Amino acid sequence: METSNNNQCNKSMAIAEQYYRALASKDIVTASQFLHPEVKLISPLAEIETKPVVIKALEGFLAALERLEIRIVSKLSDDQTILFLNPYFHQPIGKLRTAALITLENDLIKEIELFYDAKSFASKRNEIFEN
């Protein structure tokens, strides 16, 4: 029998995975439904806050994305999940091995912290994060 903690951990994993599956399908409408109004995105290239600003960055990300492979989804706690992803971009970038730490609040994504080598991605920074 699962405990409520296991159910909550499984729920946090499911939310994080559904969010990234929506991004893999380039479905910004579905992906945005998982975001908290005060969501914060932390990456090697920028730190941004609030749902409208993050959605604008996601639109830039999806425009540059060829495909997104979800490799591993693992629970860390009731409100944190880590995913290992392979986003593929047009050359010269190609595959960008990425880890995403997702933190939830009230079953919505409150923080996304991305870990990747930004050197090969720096040329796309303005396309993704321009205001």
Protein backbone atom coordinates (compact mmCIF):
# COMPACT_ATOMS: atom_id res chain seq x y z
CA MET A 1 0.00 0.00 0.00
CA GLU A 2 1.34 3.45 -0.95
CA THR A 3 1.51 6.14 1.68
CA SER A 4 0.40 9.69 1.08
CA ASN A 5 4.10 10.69 0.85
CA ASN A 6 4.63 8.15 -1.94
CA ASN A 7 1.53 9.45 -3.69
CA GLN A 8 2.82 13.02 -3.43
CA CYS A 9 6.28 12.03 -4.72
CA ASN A 10 4.71 10.13 -7.60
CA LYS A 11 2.48 13.13 -8.30
CA SER A 12 5.47 15.49 -8.43
CA MET A 13 7.23 13.13 -10.86
CA ALA A 14 4.10 12.90 -13.01
CA ILE A 15 3.70 16.70 -13.15
CA ALA A 16 7.35 17.22 -14.13
CA GLU A 17 7.20 14.51 -16.77
CA GLN A 18 3.90 15.77 -18.22
CA TYR A 19 5.37 19.27 -18.45
CA TYR A 20 8.40 18.02 -20.39
CA ARG A 21 6.27 15.74 -22.58
CA ALA A 22 4.23 18.81 -23.53
CA LEU A 23 7.45 20.63 -24.40
CA ALA A 24 8.63 17.62 -26.41
CA SER A 25 5.37 17.89 -28.38
CA LYS A 26 5.94 21.66 -28.70
CA ASP A 27 2.60 22.19 -26.93
CA ILE A 28 3.19 25.48 -25.13
CA VAL A 29 -0.46 25.75 -24.04
CA THR A 30 -0.38 22.45 -22.14
CA ALA A 31 3.11 23.10 -20.75
CA SER A 32 2.09 26.51 -19.42
CA GLN A 33 -0.78 24.96 -17.44
CA PHE A 34 1.82 23.32 -15.16
CA LEU A 35 3.53 26.62 -14.30
CA HIS A 36 2.98 28.57 -11.08
CA PRO A 37 2.20 32.29 -11.64
CA GLU A 38 5.47 33.19 -9.88
CA VAL A 39 7.59 30.48 -11.52
CA LYS A 40 11.34 31.04 -11.59
CA LEU A 41 13.63 29.64 -14.31
CA ILE A 42 17.33 29.40 -13.47
CA SER A 43 19.75 28.40 -16.22
CA PRO A 44 23.42 28.96 -17.04
CA LEU A 45 22.32 31.68 -19.49
CA ALA A 46 19.71 33.60 -17.50
CA GLU A 47 17.47 33.78 -14.45
CA ILE A 48 13.90 34.88 -15.13
CA GLU A 49 10.69 35.03 -13.13
CA THR A 50 6.90 35.05 -13.59
CA LYS A 51 4.80 32.88 -15.84
CA PRO A 52 4.49 35.30 -18.80
CA VAL A 53 8.27 35.84 -18.94
CA VAL A 54 9.01 32.10 -18.67
CA ILE A 55 6.43 31.31 -21.37
CA LYS A 56 8.10 33.82 -23.71
CA ALA A 57 11.46 32.09 -23.09
CA LEU A 58 9.83 28.68 -23.70
CA GLU A 59 8.55 29.93 -27.05
CA GLY A 60 12.12 30.86 -28.01
CA PHE A 61 13.41 27.51 -26.73
CA LEU A 62 10.81 25.57 -28.73
CA ALA A 63 11.59 27.56 -31.88
CA ALA A 64 15.22 26.43 -31.64
CA LEU A 65 14.40 22.85 -30.58
CA GLU A 66 14.41 19.95 -33.05
CA ARG A 67 13.31 17.33 -30.52
CA LEU A 68 13.43 16.55 -26.82
CA GLU A 69 14.28 13.16 -25.34
CA ILE A 70 13.34 12.47 -21.71
CA ARG A 71 15.89 9.98 -20.39
CA ILE A 72 15.32 9.66 -16.63
CA VAL A 73 12.75 11.03 -14.18
CA SER A 74 13.57 10.59 -10.50
CA LYS A 75 11.91 11.86 -7.33
CA LEU A 76 14.01 13.69 -4.78
CA SER A 77 11.30 14.65 -2.28
CA ASP A 78 7.58 15.36 -2.06
CA ASP A 79 8.01 18.57 -4.03
CA GLN A 80 11.20 18.00 -6.06
CA THR A 81 11.92 15.90 -9.12
CA ILE A 82 15.02 15.73 -11.29
CA LEU A 83 14.93 14.89 -14.96
CA PHE A 84 17.76 14.05 -17.30
CA LEU A 85 17.00 15.28 -20.79
CA ASN A 86 18.55 15.40 -24.23
CA PRO A 87 17.26 18.38 -26.15
CA TYR A 88 18.43 18.37 -29.78
CA PHE A 89 18.95 21.65 -31.62
CA HIS A 90 19.93 22.51 -35.15
CA GLN A 91 23.67 22.45 -35.81
CA PRO A 92 26.09 23.65 -34.68
CA ILE A 93 24.54 22.94 -31.25
CA GLY A 94 23.16 19.40 -31.69
CA LYS A 95 22.51 17.40 -28.51
CA LEU A 96 22.69 19.32 -25.21
CA ARG A 97 22.77 16.95 -22.23
CA THR A 98 20.67 18.61 -19.54
CA ALA A 99 19.47 18.03 -15.98
CA ALA A 100 16.34 19.82 -14.78
CA LEU A 101 15.52 20.22 -11.10
CA ILE A 102 11.79 20.88 -10.75
CA THR A 103 10.30 22.26 -7.52
CA LEU A 104 6.54 22.31 -7.02
CA GLU A 105 4.26 24.44 -4.90
CA ASN A 106 0.55 23.59 -4.72
CA ASP A 107 0.97 21.06 -7.55
CA LEU A 108 2.39 23.70 -9.91
CA ILE A 109 5.99 24.17 -11.05
CA LYS A 110 7.41 26.96 -8.90
CA GLU A 111 11.07 26.63 -9.94
CA ILE A 112 12.97 25.08 -12.83
CA GLU A 113 16.74 24.93 -12.45
CA LEU A 114 18.60 23.75 -15.54
CA PHE A 115 22.14 22.36 -15.61
CA TYR A 116 24.03 22.13 -18.90
CA ASP A 117 27.24 23.27 -20.58
CA ALA A 118 26.23 26.66 -21.93
CA LYS A 119 29.25 27.17 -24.21
CA SER A 120 27.63 25.60 -27.27
CA PHE A 121 24.31 27.29 -26.54
CA ALA A 122 25.49 30.84 -25.91
CA SER A 123 24.84 31.91 -29.51
CA LYS A 124 21.09 31.25 -29.04
CA ARG A 125 20.78 33.17 -25.77
CA ASN A 126 19.24 36.31 -27.29
CA GLU A 127 16.74 34.33 -29.38
CA ILE A 128 15.41 32.60 -26.27
CA PHE A 129 15.60 35.26 -23.57
CA GLU A 130 15.10 38.54 -25.45
CA ASN A 131 12.28 40.70 -24.08
